[in-house]
Amino acid sequence: MRFLIAMLTAEEEKNPSSKRVITLLAFLLLATIVISELFLGLTVGAATLESITYIVLGGLGFTAAEKFRFTRSEKNTE
């Protein structure tokens, strides 16, 4: 459980980031959709699948971009 909370929090924060939680839930939903289409034969609309995919990609992109930002304390020390 600690691993999951640590994964969902930023390095300087103690509370889980809502952006990361939403991205994780959207990823789990996307994985469920893909598995249900492959093995169970259920179909989901193309627009729904694309929308969830964009949410996952956007969330992962913004989360990765956080690693490259500078904080004020980092700028003052350089």
PDB file of N, CA and C in Angstrom:
ATOM      1  N   MET A   1       0.824  -1.194   0.000  1.00  0.00           N
ATOM      2  CA  MET A   1       0.000   0.000   0.000  1.00  0.00           C
ATOM      3  C   MET A   1       0.868   1.258   0.000  1.00  0.00           C
ATOM      4  N   ARG A   2       1.976   1.194   0.717  1.00  0.00           N
ATOM      5  CA  ARG A   2       2.871   2.360   0.745  1.00  0.00           C
ATOM      6  C   ARG A   2       3.470   2.630  -0.627  1.00  0.00           C
ATOM      7  N   PHE A   3       3.737   1.544  -1.387  1.00  0.00           N
ATOM      8  CA  PHE A   3       4.278   1.714  -2.721  1.00  0.00           C
ATOM      9  C   PHE A   3       3.293   2.474  -3.606  1.00  0.00           C
ATOM     10  N   LEU A   4       2.019   2.130  -3.517  1.00  0.00           N
ATOM     11  CA  LEU A   4       1.001   2.790  -4.330  1.00  0.00           C
ATOM     12  C   LEU A   4       0.882   4.263  -3.955  1.00  0.00           C
ATOM     13  N   ILE A   5       0.881   4.579  -2.690  1.00  0.00           N
ATOM     14  CA  ILE A   5       0.797   5.975  -2.253  1.00  0.00           C
ATOM     15  C   ILE A   5       2.053   6.733  -2.662  1.00  0.00           C
ATOM     16  N   ALA A   6       3.209   6.115  -2.545  1.00  0.00           N
ATOM     17  CA  ALA A   6       4.456   6.767  -2.959  1.00  0.00           C
ATOM     18  C   ALA A   6       4.478   7.014  -4.456  1.00  0.00           C
ATOM     19  N   MET A   7       3.898   6.105  -5.223  1.00  0.00           N
ATOM     20  CA  MET A   7       3.855   6.261  -6.667  1.00  0.00           C
ATOM     21  C   MET A   7       2.931   7.413  -7.071  1.00  0.00           C
ATOM     22  N   LEU A   8       1.892   7.636  -6.312  1.00  0.00           N
ATOM     23  CA  LEU A   8       0.902   8.656  -6.660  1.00  0.00           C
ATOM     24  C   LEU A   8       1.231  10.032  -6.100  1.00  0.00           C
ATOM     25  N   THR A   9       2.259  10.150  -5.300  1.00  0.00           N
ATOM     26  CA  THR A   9       2.634  11.451  -4.747  1.00  0.00           C
ATOM     27  C   THR A   9       3.864  11.993  -5.449  1.00  0.00           C
ATOM     28  N   ALA A  10       3.951  13.302  -5.499  1.00  0.00           N
ATOM     29  CA  ALA A  10       5.148  13.936  -6.037  1.00  0.00           C
ATOM     30  C   ALA A  10       6.241  13.862  -4.979  1.00  0.00           C
ATOM     31  N   GLU A  11       7.459  14.162  -5.356  1.00  0.00           N
ATOM     32  CA  GLU A  11       8.581  14.008  -4.431  1.00  0.00           C
ATOM     33  C   GLU A  11       8.521  14.971  -3.258  1.00  0.00           C
ATOM     34  N   GLU A  12       8.027  16.178  -3.475  1.00  0.00           N
ATOM     35  CA  GLU A  12       8.005  17.165  -2.402  1.00  0.00           C
ATOM     36  C   GLU A  12       6.669  17.230  -1.665  1.00  0.00           C
ATOM     37  N   GLU A  13       5.710  16.439  -2.061  1.00  0.00           N
ATOM     38  CA  GLU A  13       4.384  16.466  -1.452  1.00  0.00           C
ATOM     39  C   GLU A  13       4.151  15.218  -0.617  1.00  0.00           C
ATOM     40  N   LYS A  14       3.155  15.301   0.261  1.00  0.00           N
ATOM     41  CA  LYS A  14       2.799  14.144   1.074  1.00  0.00           C
ATOM     42  C   LYS A  14       1.459  13.546   0.659  1.00  0.00           C
ATOM     43  N   ASN A  15       0.593  14.336   0.017  1.00  0.00           N
ATOM     44  CA  ASN A  15      -0.714  13.855  -0.408  1.00  0.00           C
ATOM     45  C   ASN A  15      -0.660  13.386  -1.852  1.00  0.00           C
ATOM     46  N   PRO A  16      -1.459  12.378  -2.208  1.00  0.00           N
ATOM     47  CA  PRO A  16      -1.482  11.920  -3.597  1.00  0.00           C
ATOM     48  C   PRO A  16      -1.959  13.025  -4.548  1.00  0.00           C
ATOM     49  N   SER A  17      -1.360  13.070  -5.701  1.00  0.00           N
ATOM     50  CA  SER A  17      -1.716  14.051  -6.714  1.00  0.00           C
ATOM     51  C   SER A  17      -2.982  13.594  -7.440  1.00  0.00           C
ATOM     52  N   SER A  18      -3.950  14.478  -7.569  1.00  0.00           N
ATOM     53  CA  SER A  18      -5.195  14.108  -8.248  1.00  0.00           C
ATOM     54  C   SER A  18      -4.942  13.780  -9.714  1.00  0.00           C
ATOM     55  N   LYS A  19      -3.974  14.441 -10.316  1.00  0.00           N
ATOM     56  CA  LYS A  19      -3.637  14.165 -11.713  1.00  0.00           C
ATOM     57  C   LYS A  19      -3.138  12.731 -11.872  1.00  0.00           C
ATOM     58  N   ARG A  20      -2.329  12.284 -10.952  1.00  0.00           N
ATOM     59  CA  ARG A  20      -1.798  10.923 -11.026  1.00  0.00           C
ATOM     60  C   ARG A  20      -2.861   9.884 -10.716  1.00  0.00           C
ATOM     61  N   VAL A  21      -3.752  10.191  -9.791  1.00  0.00           N
ATOM     62  CA  VAL A  21      -4.837   9.262  -9.459  1.00  0.00           C
ATOM     63  C   VAL A  21      -5.769   9.099 -10.655  1.00  0.00           C
ATOM     64  N   ILE A  22      -6.144  10.209 -11.294  1.00  0.00           N
ATOM     65  CA  ILE A  22      -7.025  10.152 -12.455  1.00  0.00           C
ATOM     66  C   ILE A  22      -6.356   9.398 -13.596  1.00  0.00           C
ATOM     67  N   THR A  23      -5.057   9.628 -13.793  1.00  0.00           N
ATOM     68  CA  THR A  23      -4.341   8.921 -14.853  1.00  0.00           C
ATOM     69  C   THR A  23      -4.288   7.426 -14.570  1.00  0.00           C
ATOM     70  N   LEU A  24      -4.055   7.037 -13.332  1.00  0.00           N
ATOM     71  CA  LEU A  24      -4.029   5.621 -12.977  1.00  0.00           C
ATOM     72  C   LEU A  24      -5.394   4.976 -13.206  1.00  0.00           C
ATOM     73  N   LEU A  25      -6.449   5.643 -12.778  1.00  0.00           N
ATOM     74  CA  LEU A  25      -7.796   5.088 -12.974  1.00  0.00           C
ATOM     75  C   LEU A  25      -8.157   4.995 -14.458  1.00  0.00           C
ATOM     76  N   ALA A  26      -7.772   6.007 -15.250  1.00  0.00           N
ATOM     77  CA  ALA A  26      -8.037   5.963 -16.686  1.00  0.00           C
ATOM     78  C   ALA A  26      -7.238   4.840 -17.343  1.00  0.00           C
ATOM     79  N   PHE A  27      -6.000   4.621 -16.897  1.00  0.00           N
ATOM     80  CA  PHE A  27      -5.202   3.524 -17.434  1.00  0.00           C
ATOM     81  C   PHE A  27      -5.841   2.176 -17.112  1.00  0.00           C
ATOM     82  N   LEU A  28      -6.309   2.000 -15.877  1.00  0.00           N
ATOM     83  CA  LEU A  28      -6.967   0.747 -15.505  1.00  0.00           C
ATOM     84  C   LEU A  28      -8.240   0.533 -16.318  1.00  0.00           C
ATOM     85  N   LEU A  29      -8.990   1.609 -16.565  1.00  0.00           N
ATOM     86  CA  LEU A  29     -10.188   1.508 -17.391  1.00  0.00           C
ATOM     87  C   LEU A  29      -9.828   1.141 -18.824  1.00  0.00           C
ATOM     88  N   LEU A  30      -8.768   1.754 -19.352  1.00  0.00           N
ATOM     89  CA  LEU A  30      -8.326   1.443 -20.711  1.00  0.00           C
ATOM     90  C   LEU A  30      -7.869  -0.008 -20.816  1.00  0.00           C
ATOM     91  N   ALA A  31      -7.138  -0.491 -19.824  1.00  0.00           N
ATOM     92  CA  ALA A  31      -6.703  -1.889 -19.838  1.00  0.00           C
ATOM     93  C   ALA A  31      -7.892  -2.839 -19.763  1.00  0.00           C
ATOM     94  N   THR A  32      -8.892  -2.489 -18.971  1.00  0.00           N
ATOM     95  CA  THR A  32     -10.100  -3.309 -18.878  1.00  0.00           C
ATOM     96  C   THR A  32     -10.835  -3.351 -20.209  1.00  0.00           C
ATOM     97  N   ILE A  33     -10.918  -2.219 -20.889  1.00  0.00           N
ATOM     98  CA  ILE A  33     -11.588  -2.161 -22.189  1.00  0.00           C
ATOM     99  C   ILE A  33     -10.862  -3.028 -23.211  1.00  0.00           C
ATOM    100  N   VAL A  34      -9.545  -2.916 -23.239  1.00  0.00           N
ATOM    101  CA  VAL A  34      -8.771  -3.701 -24.215  1.00  0.00           C
ATOM    102  C   VAL A  34      -8.908  -5.193 -23.939  1.00  0.00           C
ATOM    103  N   ILE A  35      -8.839  -5.587 -22.683  1.00  0.00           N
ATOM    104  CA  ILE A  35      -8.983  -7.004 -22.346  1.00  0.00           C
ATOM    105  C   ILE A  35     -10.382  -7.501 -22.668  1.00  0.00           C
ATOM    106  N   SER A  36     -11.392  -6.698 -22.392  1.00  0.00           N
ATOM    107  CA  SER A  36     -12.759  -7.137 -22.687  1.00  0.00           C
ATOM    108  C   SER A  36     -13.009  -7.239 -24.183  1.00  0.00           C
ATOM    109  N   GLU A  37     -12.376  -6.366 -24.972  1.00  0.00           N
ATOM    110  CA  GLU A  37     -12.538  -6.473 -26.419  1.00  0.00           C
ATOM    111  C   GLU A  37     -11.788  -7.681 -26.976  1.00  0.00           C
ATOM    112  N   LEU A  38     -10.624  -7.973 -26.433  1.00  0.00           N
ATOM    113  CA  LEU A  38      -9.827  -9.087 -26.950  1.00  0.00           C
ATOM    114  C   LEU A  38     -10.394 -10.449 -26.560  1.00  0.00           C
ATOM    115  N   PHE A  39     -10.738 -10.623 -25.305  1.00  0.00           N
ATOM    116  CA  PHE A  39     -11.075 -11.951 -24.816  1.00  0.00           C
ATOM    117  C   PHE A  39     -12.568 -12.200 -24.641  1.00  0.00           C
ATOM    118  N   LEU A  40     -13.335 -11.157 -24.364  1.00  0.00           N
ATOM    119  CA  LEU A  40     -14.762 -11.360 -24.100  1.00  0.00           C
ATOM    120  C   LEU A  40     -15.643 -11.027 -25.294  1.00  0.00           C
ATOM    121  N   GLY A  41     -15.094 -10.360 -26.276  1.00  0.00           N
ATOM    122  CA  GLY A  41     -15.863 -10.028 -27.464  1.00  0.00           C
ATOM    123  C   GLY A  41     -16.776  -8.824 -27.307  1.00  0.00           C
ATOM    124  N   LEU A  42     -16.642  -8.083 -26.210  1.00  0.00           N
ATOM    125  CA  LEU A  42     -17.443  -6.879 -26.014  1.00  0.00           C
ATOM    126  C   LEU A  42     -16.842  -5.743 -26.832  1.00  0.00           C
ATOM    127  N   THR A  43     -17.683  -4.837 -27.297  1.00  0.00           N
ATOM    128  CA  THR A  43     -17.173  -3.721 -28.092  1.00  0.00           C
ATOM    129  C   THR A  43     -17.466  -2.398 -27.393  1.00  0.00           C
ATOM    130  N   VAL A  44     -16.559  -1.478 -27.592  1.00  0.00           N
ATOM    131  CA  VAL A  44     -16.689  -0.131 -27.049  1.00  0.00           C
ATOM    132  C   VAL A  44     -16.548   0.815 -28.229  1.00  0.00           C
ATOM    133  N   GLY A  45     -17.271   1.923 -28.189  1.00  0.00           N
ATOM    134  CA  GLY A  45     -17.210   2.885 -29.285  1.00  0.00           C
ATOM    135  C   GLY A  45     -15.813   3.448 -29.474  1.00  0.00           C
ATOM    136  N   ALA A  46     -15.489   3.747 -30.720  1.00  0.00           N
ATOM    137  CA  ALA A  46     -14.157   4.261 -31.043  1.00  0.00           C
ATOM    138  C   ALA A  46     -13.900   5.606 -30.371  1.00  0.00           C
ATOM    139  N   ALA A  47     -14.913   6.450 -30.297  1.00  0.00           N
ATOM    140  CA  ALA A  47     -14.743   7.765 -29.670  1.00  0.00           C
ATOM    141  C   ALA A  47     -14.450   7.627 -28.176  1.00  0.00           C
ATOM    142  N   THR A  48     -15.092   6.689 -27.519  1.00  0.00           N
ATOM    143  CA  THR A  48     -14.847   6.456 -26.098  1.00  0.00           C
ATOM    144  C   THR A  48     -13.425   5.956 -25.869  1.00  0.00           C
ATOM    145  N   LEU A  49     -13.007   5.023 -26.690  1.00  0.00           N
ATOM    146  CA  LEU A  49     -11.664   4.483 -26.566  1.00  0.00           C
ATOM    147  C   LEU A  49     -10.607   5.555 -26.816  1.00  0.00           C
ATOM    148  N   GLU A  50     -10.804   6.382 -27.826  1.00  0.00           N
ATOM    149  CA  GLU A  50      -9.867   7.470 -28.111  1.00  0.00           C
ATOM    150  C   GLU A  50      -9.823   8.486 -26.973  1.00  0.00           C
ATOM    151  N   SER A  51     -10.977   8.809 -26.422  1.00  0.00           N
ATOM    152  CA  SER A  51     -11.024   9.789 -25.327  1.00  0.00           C
ATOM    153  C   SER A  51     -10.250   9.310 -24.103  1.00  0.00           C
ATOM    154  N   ILE A  52     -10.446   8.061 -23.731  1.00  0.00           N
ATOM    155  CA  ILE A  52      -9.735   7.522 -22.574  1.00  0.00           C
ATOM    156  C   ILE A  52      -8.239   7.438 -22.863  1.00  0.00           C
ATOM    157  N   THR A  53      -7.890   7.091 -24.098  1.00  0.00           N
ATOM    158  CA  THR A  53      -6.481   7.038 -24.482  1.00  0.00           C
ATOM    159  C   THR A  53      -5.836   8.407 -24.365  1.00  0.00           C
ATOM    160  N   TYR A  54      -6.527   9.451 -24.805  1.00  0.00           N
ATOM    161  CA  TYR A  54      -5.987  10.809 -24.705  1.00  0.00           C
ATOM    162  C   TYR A  54      -5.836  11.251 -23.247  1.00  0.00           C
ATOM    163  N   ILE A  55      -6.756  10.845 -22.397  1.00  0.00           N
ATOM    164  CA  ILE A  55      -6.645  11.177 -20.971  1.00  0.00           C
ATOM    165  C   ILE A  55      -5.409  10.520 -20.371  1.00  0.00           C
ATOM    166  N   VAL A  56      -5.187   9.251 -20.702  1.00  0.00           N
ATOM    167  CA  VAL A  56      -4.022   8.533 -20.184  1.00  0.00           C
ATOM    168  C   VAL A  56      -2.732   9.156 -20.712  1.00  0.00           C
ATOM    169  N   LEU A  57      -2.661   9.400 -22.008  1.00  0.00           N
ATOM    170  CA  LEU A  57      -1.441   9.976 -22.581  1.00  0.00           C
ATOM    171  C   LEU A  57      -1.179  11.384 -22.056  1.00  0.00           C
ATOM    172  N   GLY A  58      -2.218  12.185 -21.916  1.00  0.00           N
ATOM    173  CA  GLY A  58      -2.046  13.528 -21.377  1.00  0.00           C
ATOM    174  C   GLY A  58      -1.594  13.505 -19.935  1.00  0.00           C
ATOM    175  N   GLY A  59      -2.182  12.643 -19.138  1.00  0.00           N
ATOM    176  CA  GLY A  59      -1.791  12.536 -17.735  1.00  0.00           C
ATOM    177  C   GLY A  59      -0.359  12.064 -17.575  1.00  0.00           C
ATOM    178  N   LEU A  60       0.036  11.087 -18.371  1.00  0.00           N
ATOM    179  CA  LEU A  60       1.418  10.615 -18.309  1.00  0.00           C
ATOM    180  C   LEU A  60       2.389  11.676 -18.798  1.00  0.00           C
ATOM    181  N   GLY A  61       1.992  12.427 -19.816  1.00  0.00           N
ATOM    182  CA  GLY A  61       2.856  13.488 -20.336  1.00  0.00           C
ATOM    183  C   GLY A  61       3.057  14.607 -19.333  1.00  0.00           C
ATOM    184  N   PHE A  62       1.983  15.038 -18.692  1.00  0.00           N
ATOM    185  CA  PHE A  62       2.094  16.104 -17.696  1.00  0.00           C
ATOM    186  C   PHE A  62       2.865  15.640 -16.467  1.00  0.00           C
ATOM    187  N   THR A  63       2.671  14.392 -16.088  1.00  0.00           N
ATOM    188  CA  THR A  63       3.408  13.863 -14.943  1.00  0.00           C
ATOM    189  C   THR A  63       4.898  13.778 -15.249  1.00  0.00           C
ATOM    190  N   ALA A  64       5.240  13.366 -16.465  1.00  0.00           N
ATOM    191  CA  ALA A  64       6.653  13.314 -16.855  1.00  0.00           C
ATOM    192  C   ALA A  64       7.243  14.718 -16.969  1.00  0.00           C
ATOM    193  N   ALA A  65       6.448  15.685 -17.397  1.00  0.00           N
ATOM    194  CA  ALA A  65       6.939  17.052 -17.533  1.00  0.00           C
ATOM    195  C   ALA A  65       7.245  17.679 -16.175  1.00  0.00           C
ATOM    196  N   GLU A  66       6.592  17.209 -15.116  1.00  0.00           N
ATOM    197  CA  GLU A  66       6.870  17.723 -13.772  1.00  0.00           C
ATOM    198  C   GLU A  66       8.304  17.439 -13.347  1.00  0.00           C
ATOM    199  N   LYS A  67       8.884  16.383 -13.854  1.00  0.00           N
ATOM    200  CA  LYS A  67      10.255  16.026 -13.477  1.00  0.00           C
ATOM    201  C   LYS A  67      11.272  17.035 -14.013  1.00  0.00           C
ATOM    202  N   PHE A  68      10.931  17.768 -15.071  1.00  0.00           N
ATOM    203  CA  PHE A  68      11.875  18.666 -15.716  1.00  0.00           C
ATOM    204  C   PHE A  68      11.682  20.130 -15.346  1.00  0.00           C
ATOM    205  N   ARG A  69      10.750  20.423 -14.461  1.00  0.00           N
ATOM    206  CA  ARG A  69      10.523  21.820 -14.086  1.00  0.00           C
ATOM    207  C   ARG A  69      11.459  22.218 -12.959  1.00  0.00           C
ATOM    208  N   PHE A  70      11.772  23.501 -12.922  1.00  0.00           N
ATOM    209  CA  PHE A  70      12.621  24.042 -11.867  1.00  0.00           C
ATOM    210  C   PHE A  70      11.744  24.712 -10.821  1.00  0.00           C
ATOM    211  N   THR A  71      12.115  24.549  -9.576  1.00  0.00           N
ATOM    212  CA  THR A  71      11.434  25.266  -8.509  1.00  0.00           C
ATOM    213  C   THR A  71      12.241  26.514  -8.191  1.00  0.00           C
ATOM    214  N   ARG A  72      11.681  27.404  -7.440  1.00  0.00           N
ATOM    215  CA  ARG A  72      12.373  28.653  -7.101  1.00  0.00           C
ATOM    216  C   ARG A  72      13.650  28.392  -6.313  1.00  0.00           C
ATOM    217  N   SER A  73      13.647  27.434  -5.431  1.00  0.00           N
ATOM    218  CA  SER A  73      14.836  27.155  -4.633  1.00  0.00           C
ATOM    219  C   SER A  73      15.964  26.617  -5.513  1.00  0.00           C
ATOM    220  N   GLU A  74      15.646  25.849  -6.547  1.00  0.00           N
ATOM    221  CA  GLU A  74      16.679  25.357  -7.449  1.00  0.00           C
ATOM    222  C   GLU A  74      17.269  26.488  -8.277  1.00  0.00           C
ATOM    223  N   LYS A  75      16.453  27.461  -8.676  1.00  0.00           N
ATOM    224  CA  LYS A  75      16.951  28.579  -9.475  1.00  0.00           C
ATOM    225  C   LYS A  75      17.859  29.486  -8.636  1.00  0.00           C
ATOM    226  N   ASN A  76      17.532  29.657  -7.357  1.00  0.00           N
ATOM    227  CA  ASN A  76      18.324  30.546  -6.501  1.00  0.00           C
ATOM    228  C   ASN A  76      19.684  29.950  -6.153  1.00  0.00           C
ATOM    229  N   THR A  77      19.784  28.638  -6.109  1.00  0.00           N
ATOM    230  CA  THR A  77      21.054  28.021  -5.746  1.00  0.00           C
ATOM    231  C   THR A  77      22.030  27.963  -6.902  1.00  0.00           C
ATOM    232  N   GLU A  78      21.557  28.096  -8.126  1.00  0.00           N
ATOM    233  CA  GLU A  78      22.457  27.999  -9.283  1.00  0.00           C
ATOM    234  C   GLU A  78      23.050  29.326  -9.658  1.00  0.00           C
TER     235      GLU A  78
END
